[in-house]
């Protein structure tokens, strides 16, 4: 063995082999560290993109129905309040007060809908992670492909889990 290493031709071959192993090792390390492997894995899976129909999810959420009832009552109370207080106002005062009433209704709507939106987003994230999806987009934005998780999100919200 030592005799064959004294031959300059053999030393060159062994050196080239060691250099090749080193270069391939560095390449493999850089691929795994750069995340390229994850991209390839995601691309090779069935689909790493999920789609949802948020209008369906929102309309079928039990919390949405409750919020709509509360908002409807608040709007009726605001309308009644406006009718009573605006009787002795001139047109400019009525317009100003009407704008204030609209702003109160919009603020109440945001107050009621924000927690629902957060709950829906959490349910979407939970289902997406469970299915191994890296991205979830609105269904009407997708021409082709993607895994529809709308029904699973609705079931998750209705079960309260």
N, C-alpha and C. Protein backbone atom coordinates (compact mmCIF):
# COMPACT_ATOMS: atom_id res chain seq x y z
N UNK A 1 0.84 -1.18 0.00
CA UNK A 1 0.00 0.00 0.00
C UNK A 1 0.87 1.24 0.00
N UNK A 2 1.85 1.31 0.89
CA UNK A 2 2.74 2.47 0.95
C UNK A 2 3.52 2.62 -0.34
N UNK A 3 3.84 1.51 -0.97
CA UNK A 3 4.58 1.53 -2.23
C UNK A 3 3.76 2.25 -3.30
N UNK A 4 2.43 1.96 -3.33
CA UNK A 4 1.58 2.57 -4.37
C UNK A 4 1.38 4.06 -4.11
N UNK A 5 1.51 4.50 -2.85
CA UNK A 5 1.37 5.92 -2.56
C UNK A 5 2.63 6.70 -2.95
N UNK A 6 3.74 6.02 -3.12
CA UNK A 6 4.96 6.70 -3.53
C UNK A 6 4.92 7.05 -5.01
N UNK A 7 4.06 6.40 -5.73
CA UNK A 7 3.93 6.67 -7.14
C UNK A 7 3.17 7.99 -7.29
N UNK A 8 3.74 9.01 -7.92
CA UNK A 8 3.10 10.32 -8.06
C UNK A 8 1.72 10.25 -8.73
N UNK A 9 1.54 9.32 -9.64
CA UNK A 9 0.26 9.19 -10.33
C UNK A 9 -0.84 8.77 -9.34
N UNK A 10 -0.54 7.84 -8.46
CA UNK A 10 -1.51 7.37 -7.46
C UNK A 10 -1.81 8.46 -6.43
N UNK A 11 -0.80 9.22 -6.05
CA UNK A 11 -0.99 10.31 -5.09
C UNK A 11 -1.96 11.33 -5.68
N UNK A 12 -1.82 11.58 -6.96
CA UNK A 12 -2.70 12.52 -7.64
C UNK A 12 -4.15 12.02 -7.62
N UNK A 13 -4.37 10.74 -7.88
CA UNK A 13 -5.71 10.17 -7.90
C UNK A 13 -6.35 10.21 -6.51
N UNK A 14 -5.58 9.86 -5.48
CA UNK A 14 -6.09 9.88 -4.12
C UNK A 14 -6.44 11.32 -3.72
N UNK A 15 -5.58 12.26 -4.09
CA UNK A 15 -5.84 13.67 -3.78
C UNK A 15 -7.10 14.16 -4.47
N UNK A 16 -7.29 13.79 -5.72
CA UNK A 16 -8.51 14.17 -6.45
C UNK A 16 -9.76 13.56 -5.81
N UNK A 17 -9.64 12.30 -5.39
CA UNK A 17 -10.77 11.64 -4.74
C UNK A 17 -11.14 12.36 -3.44
N UNK A 18 -10.17 12.69 -2.63
CA UNK A 18 -10.42 13.38 -1.36
C UNK A 18 -11.01 14.77 -1.62
N UNK A 19 -10.50 15.47 -2.62
CA UNK A 19 -11.02 16.79 -2.96
C UNK A 19 -12.48 16.69 -3.43
N UNK A 20 -12.79 15.66 -4.22
CA UNK A 20 -14.15 15.48 -4.72
C UNK A 20 -15.12 15.20 -3.56
N UNK A 21 -14.70 14.35 -2.62
CA UNK A 21 -15.54 14.06 -1.46
C UNK A 21 -15.77 15.33 -0.65
N UNK A 22 -14.74 16.13 -0.48
CA UNK A 22 -14.84 17.38 0.27
C UNK A 22 -15.81 18.34 -0.41
N UNK A 23 -15.68 18.52 -1.71
CA UNK A 23 -16.55 19.44 -2.46
C UNK A 23 -18.00 18.97 -2.40
N UNK A 24 -18.24 17.67 -2.59
CA UNK A 24 -19.60 17.15 -2.52
C UNK A 24 -20.19 17.32 -1.12
N UNK A 25 -19.38 17.13 -0.11
CA UNK A 25 -19.84 17.32 1.27
C UNK A 25 -20.23 18.77 1.52
N UNK A 26 -19.40 19.70 1.04
CA UNK A 26 -19.71 21.13 1.20
C UNK A 26 -21.00 21.49 0.47
N UNK A 27 -21.17 20.94 -0.74
CA UNK A 27 -22.37 21.21 -1.53
C UNK A 27 -23.60 20.70 -0.79
N UNK A 28 -23.54 19.47 -0.28
CA UNK A 28 -24.67 18.89 0.44
C UNK A 28 -25.01 19.72 1.68
N UNK A 29 -23.99 20.17 2.39
CA UNK A 29 -24.21 20.99 3.57
C UNK A 29 -24.88 22.32 3.21
N UNK A 30 -24.42 22.94 2.13
CA UNK A 30 -25.00 24.22 1.73
C UNK A 30 -26.45 24.07 1.28
N UNK A 31 -26.77 22.96 0.62
CA UNK A 31 -28.14 22.73 0.17
C UNK A 31 -29.07 22.56 1.37
N UNK A 32 -28.65 21.80 2.35
CA UNK A 32 -29.51 21.59 3.51
C UNK A 32 -29.64 22.84 4.36
N UNK A 33 -28.61 23.66 4.44
CA UNK A 33 -28.66 24.87 5.26
C UNK A 33 -29.42 25.99 4.57
N UNK A 34 -29.44 26.01 3.25
CA UNK A 34 -30.08 27.11 2.53
C UNK A 34 -31.59 26.97 2.48
N UNK A 35 -32.13 25.81 2.81
CA UNK A 35 -33.58 25.62 2.73
C UNK A 35 -34.02 25.11 1.38
N UNK A 36 -33.08 24.93 0.47
CA UNK A 36 -33.43 24.43 -0.86
C UNK A 36 -34.08 23.06 -0.75
N UNK A 37 -33.62 22.28 0.19
CA UNK A 37 -34.19 20.96 0.40
C UNK A 37 -35.65 21.04 0.78
N UNK A 38 -36.00 22.03 1.58
CA UNK A 38 -37.40 22.20 1.99
C UNK A 38 -38.26 22.60 0.80
N UNK A 39 -37.71 23.44 -0.07
CA UNK A 39 -38.45 23.86 -1.26
C UNK A 39 -38.69 22.66 -2.16
N UNK A 40 -37.67 21.85 -2.34
CA UNK A 40 -37.81 20.67 -3.17
C UNK A 40 -38.82 19.72 -2.54
N UNK A 41 -38.75 19.55 -1.22
CA UNK A 41 -39.68 18.68 -0.53
C UNK A 41 -41.11 19.21 -0.67
N UNK A 42 -41.29 20.51 -0.51
CA UNK A 42 -42.62 21.10 -0.63
C UNK A 42 -43.15 20.97 -2.04
N UNK A 43 -42.28 21.17 -3.03
CA UNK A 43 -42.69 21.07 -4.42
C UNK A 43 -43.04 19.64 -4.78
N UNK A 44 -42.35 18.70 -4.16
CA UNK A 44 -42.61 17.31 -4.50
C UNK A 44 -43.83 16.75 -3.78
N UNK A 45 -44.26 17.42 -2.72
CA UNK A 45 -45.47 16.95 -2.03
C UNK A 45 -46.67 17.24 -2.92
N UNK A 46 -47.82 16.72 -2.55
CA UNK A 46 -49.02 16.88 -3.37
C UNK A 46 -49.28 18.36 -3.66
N UNK A 47 -49.30 19.17 -2.63
CA UNK A 47 -49.44 20.61 -2.78
C UNK A 47 -49.12 21.25 -1.45
N UNK A 48 -48.30 22.28 -1.47
CA UNK A 48 -47.96 22.98 -0.23
C UNK A 48 -48.81 24.23 -0.09
N UNK A 49 -49.81 24.37 -0.95
CA UNK A 49 -50.67 25.55 -0.93
C UNK A 49 -52.10 25.13 -0.62
N UNK A 50 -52.67 25.80 0.37
CA UNK A 50 -54.05 25.55 0.72
C UNK A 50 -54.90 26.73 0.26
N UNK A 51 -56.17 26.46 0.06
CA UNK A 51 -57.09 27.53 -0.32
C UNK A 51 -58.30 27.49 0.60
N UNK A 52 -58.86 28.65 0.87
CA UNK A 52 -60.08 28.75 1.68
C UNK A 52 -61.04 29.76 1.06
N UNK A 53 -62.30 29.53 1.29
CA UNK A 53 -63.32 30.49 0.90
C UNK A 53 -63.74 31.20 2.18
N UNK A 54 -63.15 32.35 2.44
CA UNK A 54 -63.38 33.02 3.72
C UNK A 54 -64.82 33.50 3.87
N UNK A 55 -65.51 33.77 2.79
CA UNK A 55 -66.92 34.17 2.90
C UNK A 55 -67.75 33.03 3.47
N UNK A 56 -67.49 31.82 3.01
CA UNK A 56 -68.22 30.65 3.51
C UNK A 56 -67.88 30.42 4.98
N UNK A 57 -66.60 30.49 5.30
CA UNK A 57 -66.17 30.28 6.68
C UNK A 57 -66.82 31.31 7.59
N UNK A 58 -66.77 32.56 7.19
CA UNK A 58 -67.31 33.64 8.00
C UNK A 58 -68.82 33.48 8.18
N UNK A 59 -69.52 33.14 7.11
CA UNK A 59 -70.98 33.03 7.20
C UNK A 59 -71.42 31.81 8.01
N UNK A 60 -70.61 30.76 8.06
CA UNK A 60 -71.00 29.55 8.78
C UNK A 60 -70.45 29.50 10.20
N UNK A 61 -69.70 30.51 10.59
CA UNK A 61 -69.17 30.55 11.95
C UNK A 61 -70.30 30.87 12.93
N UNK A 62 -70.41 30.08 14.01
CA UNK A 62 -71.45 30.37 15.00
C UNK A 62 -71.28 31.76 15.64
N UNK A 63 -70.06 32.19 15.79
CA UNK A 63 -69.78 33.50 16.38
C UNK A 63 -70.30 34.63 15.49
N UNK A 64 -70.29 34.43 14.19
CA UNK A 64 -70.76 35.46 13.27
C UNK A 64 -72.26 35.70 13.46
N UNK A 65 -73.00 34.64 13.61
CA UNK A 65 -74.45 34.79 13.81
C UNK A 65 -74.74 35.58 15.07
N UNK A 66 -74.02 35.28 16.14
CA UNK A 66 -74.21 36.01 17.40
C UNK A 66 -73.84 37.49 17.23
N UNK A 67 -72.73 37.74 16.54
CA UNK A 67 -72.30 39.12 16.32
C UNK A 67 -73.31 39.89 15.48
N UNK A 68 -73.88 39.23 14.48
CA UNK A 68 -74.88 39.89 13.64
C UNK A 68 -76.11 40.27 14.46
N UNK A 69 -76.52 39.41 15.37
CA UNK A 69 -77.67 39.71 16.23
C UNK A 69 -77.38 40.90 17.12
N UNK A 70 -76.22 40.90 17.75
CA UNK A 70 -75.83 42.02 18.62
C UNK A 70 -75.73 43.30 17.82
N UNK A 71 -75.13 43.23 16.63
CA UNK A 71 -74.97 44.43 15.80
C UNK A 71 -76.33 44.95 15.34
N UNK A 72 -77.23 44.06 14.98
CA UNK A 72 -78.57 44.47 14.55
C UNK A 72 -79.29 45.21 15.68
N UNK A 73 -79.18 44.69 16.90
CA UNK A 73 -79.80 45.35 18.06
C UNK A 73 -79.16 46.72 18.30
N UNK A 74 -77.85 46.79 18.19
CA UNK A 74 -77.15 48.05 18.39
C UNK A 74 -77.57 49.07 17.34
N UNK A 75 -77.74 48.63 16.09
CA UNK A 75 -78.16 49.54 15.02
C UNK A 75 -79.58 50.05 15.28
N UNK A 76 -80.45 49.17 15.75
CA UNK A 76 -81.82 49.59 16.06
C UNK A 76 -81.84 50.61 17.18
N UNK A 77 -81.04 50.37 18.21
CA UNK A 77 -80.95 51.32 19.32
C UNK A 77 -80.38 52.65 18.86
N UNK A 78 -79.37 52.59 17.99
CA UNK A 78 -78.76 53.81 17.47
C UNK A 78 -79.75 54.59 16.61
N UNK A 79 -80.51 53.86 15.79
CA UNK A 79 -81.53 54.51 14.95
C UNK A 79 -82.59 55.17 15.82
N UNK A 80 -83.02 54.48 16.84
CA UNK A 80 -84.02 55.04 17.76
C UNK A 80 -83.47 56.29 18.45
N UNK A 81 -82.23 56.20 18.92
CA UNK A 81 -81.56 57.33 19.56
C UNK A 81 -81.46 58.52 18.60
N UNK A 82 -81.09 58.23 17.36
CA UNK A 82 -80.98 59.30 16.36
C UNK A 82 -82.33 59.96 16.13
N UNK A 83 -83.35 59.15 15.96
CA UNK A 83 -84.70 59.70 15.71
C UNK A 83 -85.17 60.60 16.85
N UNK A 84 -84.89 60.18 18.08
CA UNK A 84 -85.33 60.97 19.23
C UNK A 84 -84.54 62.28 19.36
N UNK A 85 -83.24 62.19 19.25
CA UNK A 85 -82.40 63.36 19.49
C UNK A 85 -82.35 64.34 18.32
N UNK A 86 -82.63 63.86 17.13
CA UNK A 86 -82.51 64.75 15.96
C UNK A 86 -83.79 65.51 15.64
N UNK A 87 -84.85 65.29 16.38
CA UNK A 87 -86.12 65.95 16.10
C UNK A 87 -86.01 67.48 16.14
N UNK A 88 -85.25 68.00 17.07
CA UNK A 88 -85.14 69.45 17.23
C UNK A 88 -83.86 70.01 16.63
N UNK A 89 -83.20 69.26 15.77
CA UNK A 89 -81.94 69.72 15.15
C UNK A 89 -82.22 70.26 13.76
N UNK A 90 -81.32 71.18 13.33
CA UNK A 90 -81.41 71.64 11.94
C UNK A 90 -80.70 70.60 11.05
N UNK A 91 -80.74 70.81 9.74
CA UNK A 91 -80.20 69.82 8.80
C UNK A 91 -78.70 69.58 9.01
N UNK A 92 -77.96 70.65 9.25
CA UNK A 92 -76.51 70.51 9.44
C UNK A 92 -76.20 69.72 10.71
N UNK A 93 -76.91 69.99 11.79
CA UNK A 93 -76.72 69.25 13.05
C UNK A 93 -77.13 67.78 12.89
N UNK A 94 -78.23 67.57 12.16
CA UNK A 94 -78.68 66.19 11.91
C UNK A 94 -77.61 65.41 11.14
N UNK A 95 -77.04 66.06 10.11
CA UNK A 95 -76.02 65.40 9.30
C UNK A 95 -74.80 65.06 10.16
N UNK A 96 -74.38 65.98 10.99
CA UNK A 96 -73.23 65.75 11.86
C UNK A 96 -73.51 64.60 12.84
N UNK A 97 -74.71 64.63 13.44
CA UNK A 97 -75.07 63.59 14.40
C UNK A 97 -75.23 62.23 13.72
N UNK A 98 -75.77 62.25 12.49
CA UNK A 98 -75.91 61.01 11.71
C UNK A 98 -74.53 60.41 11.44
N UNK A 99 -73.56 61.22 11.09
CA UNK A 99 -72.19 60.77 10.85
C UNK A 99 -71.60 60.16 12.12
N UNK A 100 -71.86 60.79 13.26
CA UNK A 100 -71.38 60.25 14.54
C UNK A 100 -72.01 58.88 14.83
N UNK A 101 -73.29 58.77 14.52
CA UNK A 101 -73.98 57.49 14.74
C UNK A 101 -73.40 56.40 13.84
N UNK A 102 -73.14 56.75 12.60
CA UNK A 102 -72.52 55.79 11.67
C UNK A 102 -71.15 55.35 12.18
N UNK A 103 -70.37 56.27 12.68
CA UNK A 103 -69.05 55.94 13.21
C UNK A 103 -69.16 55.01 14.41
N UNK A 104 -70.16 55.24 15.27
CA UNK A 104 -70.36 54.35 16.43
C UNK A 104 -70.72 52.93 15.97
N UNK A 105 -71.57 52.85 14.96
CA UNK A 105 -71.97 51.54 14.43
C UNK A 105 -70.76 50.83 13.82
N UNK A 106 -69.95 51.56 13.06
CA UNK A 106 -68.75 50.96 12.46
C UNK A 106 -67.77 50.49 13.53
N UNK A 107 -67.61 51.27 14.58
CA UNK A 107 -66.71 50.89 15.68
C UNK A 107 -67.24 49.63 16.37
N UNK A 108 -68.54 49.55 16.57
CA UNK A 108 -69.14 48.37 17.20
C UNK A 108 -68.95 47.15 16.31
N UNK A 109 -69.09 47.33 15.01
CA UNK A 109 -68.91 46.24 14.06
C UNK A 109 -67.47 45.72 14.12
N UNK A 110 -66.50 46.63 14.12
CA UNK A 110 -65.09 46.22 14.24
C UNK A 110 -64.84 45.48 15.55
N UNK A 111 -65.42 46.01 16.62
CA UNK A 111 -65.26 45.40 17.95
C UNK A 111 -65.80 43.97 17.97
N UNK A 112 -66.91 43.73 17.27
CA UNK A 112 -67.51 42.41 17.25
C UNK A 112 -66.82 41.45 16.28
N UNK A 113 -66.36 41.97 15.15
CA UNK A 113 -65.82 41.10 14.10
C UNK A 113 -64.33 40.79 14.26
N UNK A 114 -63.57 41.65 14.90
CA UNK A 114 -62.13 41.41 15.04
C UNK A 114 -61.81 40.10 15.75
N UNK A 115 -62.45 39.80 16.90
CA UNK A 115 -62.15 38.52 17.55
C UNK A 115 -62.54 37.31 16.70
N UNK A 116 -63.60 37.47 15.93
CA UNK A 116 -64.04 36.38 15.05
C UNK A 116 -62.99 36.15 13.96
N UNK A 117 -62.50 37.22 13.37
CA UNK A 117 -61.47 37.10 12.34
C UNK A 117 -60.21 36.42 12.89
N UNK A 118 -59.82 36.80 14.09
CA UNK A 118 -58.64 36.18 14.71
C UNK A 118 -58.87 34.69 14.97
N UNK A 119 -60.07 34.35 15.39
CA UNK A 119 -60.40 32.95 15.65
C UNK A 119 -60.38 32.15 14.35
N UNK A 120 -60.89 32.74 13.28
CA UNK A 120 -60.89 32.07 11.98
C UNK A 120 -59.45 31.89 11.49
N UNK A 121 -58.63 32.93 11.62
CA UNK A 121 -57.22 32.82 11.21
C UNK A 121 -56.51 31.72 11.99
N UNK A 122 -56.79 31.62 13.28
CA UNK A 122 -56.16 30.59 14.10
C UNK A 122 -56.60 29.19 13.65
N UNK A 123 -57.87 29.05 13.31
CA UNK A 123 -58.38 27.75 12.82
C UNK A 123 -57.75 27.39 11.48
N UNK A 124 -57.60 28.38 10.61
CA UNK A 124 -56.96 28.14 9.31
C UNK A 124 -55.52 27.70 9.53
N UNK A 125 -54.82 28.40 10.40
CA UNK A 125 -53.42 28.06 10.68
C UNK A 125 -53.31 26.65 11.25
N UNK A 126 -54.21 26.29 12.16
CA UNK A 126 -54.18 24.97 12.78
C UNK A 126 -54.37 23.86 11.74
N UNK A 127 -55.36 24.02 10.88
CA UNK A 127 -55.63 23.02 9.84
C UNK A 127 -54.48 22.97 8.84
N UNK A 128 -53.94 24.13 8.48
CA UNK A 128 -52.83 24.18 7.52
C UNK A 128 -51.61 23.44 8.07
N UNK A 129 -51.29 23.68 9.33
CA UNK A 129 -50.14 22.99 9.93
C UNK A 129 -50.38 21.49 9.99
N UNK A 130 -51.60 21.11 10.34
CA UNK A 130 -51.96 19.70 10.44
C UNK A 130 -51.79 19.00 9.08
N UNK A 131 -52.10 19.72 7.99
CA UNK A 131 -52.00 19.16 6.65
C UNK A 131 -50.64 19.39 5.99
N UNK A 132 -49.75 20.12 6.67
CA UNK A 132 -48.42 20.37 6.12
C UNK A 132 -48.42 21.42 5.01
N UNK A 133 -49.35 22.36 5.07
CA UNK A 133 -49.43 23.41 4.06
C UNK A 133 -48.58 24.60 4.50
N UNK A 134 -47.80 25.13 3.58
CA UNK A 134 -46.95 26.26 3.94
C UNK A 134 -47.60 27.60 3.64
N UNK A 135 -48.60 27.61 2.75
CA UNK A 135 -49.28 28.84 2.35
C UNK A 135 -50.77 28.55 2.21
N UNK A 136 -51.60 29.49 2.67
CA UNK A 136 -53.05 29.39 2.46
C UNK A 136 -53.51 30.72 1.87
N UNK A 137 -54.21 30.64 0.74
CA UNK A 137 -54.68 31.85 0.06
C UNK A 137 -56.19 31.76 -0.16
N UNK A 138 -56.76 32.90 -0.49
CA UNK A 138 -58.19 32.98 -0.77
C UNK A 138 -58.50 32.18 -2.04
N UNK A 139 -59.52 31.37 -1.98
CA UNK A 139 -59.86 30.45 -3.08
C UNK A 139 -60.14 31.17 -4.40
N UNK A 140 -60.80 32.33 -4.34
CA UNK A 140 -61.13 33.02 -5.59
C UNK A 140 -59.91 33.64 -6.26
N UNK A 141 -58.74 33.61 -5.59
CA UNK A 141 -57.51 34.12 -6.20
C UNK A 141 -56.74 33.04 -6.94
N UNK A 142 -57.18 31.79 -6.83
CA UNK A 142 -56.46 30.66 -7.41
C UNK A 142 -57.17 30.18 -8.65
N UNK A 143 -56.42 30.05 -9.72
CA UNK A 143 -56.99 29.57 -10.97
C UNK A 143 -57.01 28.04 -10.98
N UNK A 144 -55.93 27.45 -10.49
CA UNK A 144 -55.81 25.99 -10.54
C UNK A 144 -54.96 25.50 -9.36
N UNK A 145 -55.36 24.40 -8.79
CA UNK A 145 -54.55 23.73 -7.77
C UNK A 145 -54.86 24.19 -6.36
N UNK A 146 -54.07 23.67 -5.45
CA UNK A 146 -54.25 24.00 -4.05
C UNK A 146 -55.19 23.02 -3.38
N UNK A 147 -55.03 22.86 -2.08
CA UNK A 147 -55.86 21.97 -1.29
C UNK A 147 -56.91 22.83 -0.57
N UNK A 148 -58.19 22.56 -0.85
CA UNK A 148 -59.27 23.34 -0.23
C UNK A 148 -59.50 22.83 1.19
N UNK A 149 -59.30 23.70 2.17
CA UNK A 149 -59.48 23.32 3.58
C UNK A 149 -60.67 24.05 4.22
N UNK A 150 -61.51 24.66 3.39
CA UNK A 150 -62.65 25.44 3.89
C UNK A 150 -63.54 24.63 4.81
N UNK A 151 -63.96 23.45 4.37
CA UNK A 151 -64.90 22.64 5.17
C UNK A 151 -64.28 22.23 6.51
N UNK A 152 -63.01 21.90 6.50
CA UNK A 152 -62.34 21.50 7.74
C UNK A 152 -62.26 22.66 8.72
N UNK A 153 -62.03 23.86 8.20
CA UNK A 153 -61.97 25.04 9.07
C UNK A 153 -63.34 25.32 9.68
N UNK A 154 -64.39 25.20 8.87
CA UNK A 154 -65.76 25.42 9.36
C UNK A 154 -66.09 24.40 10.45
N UNK A 155 -65.75 23.12 10.21
CA UNK A 155 -66.01 22.09 11.23
C UNK A 155 -65.25 22.39 12.51
N UNK A 156 -64.01 22.84 12.37
CA UNK A 156 -63.19 23.18 13.53
C UNK A 156 -63.83 24.31 14.34
N UNK A 157 -64.34 25.32 13.65
CA UNK A 157 -64.97 26.44 14.33
C UNK A 157 -66.29 26.03 14.99
N UNK A 158 -67.03 25.18 14.31
CA UNK A 158 -68.33 24.75 14.85
C UNK A 158 -68.17 23.82 16.04
N UNK A 159 -67.08 23.04 16.04
CA UNK A 159 -66.85 22.13 17.16
C UNK A 159 -66.24 22.85 18.35
N UNK A 160 -65.65 24.01 18.07
CA UNK A 160 -65.05 24.80 19.15
C UNK A 160 -63.71 24.27 19.62
N UNK A 161 -63.09 23.40 18.82
CA UNK A 161 -61.80 22.82 19.23
C UNK A 161 -60.66 23.62 18.71
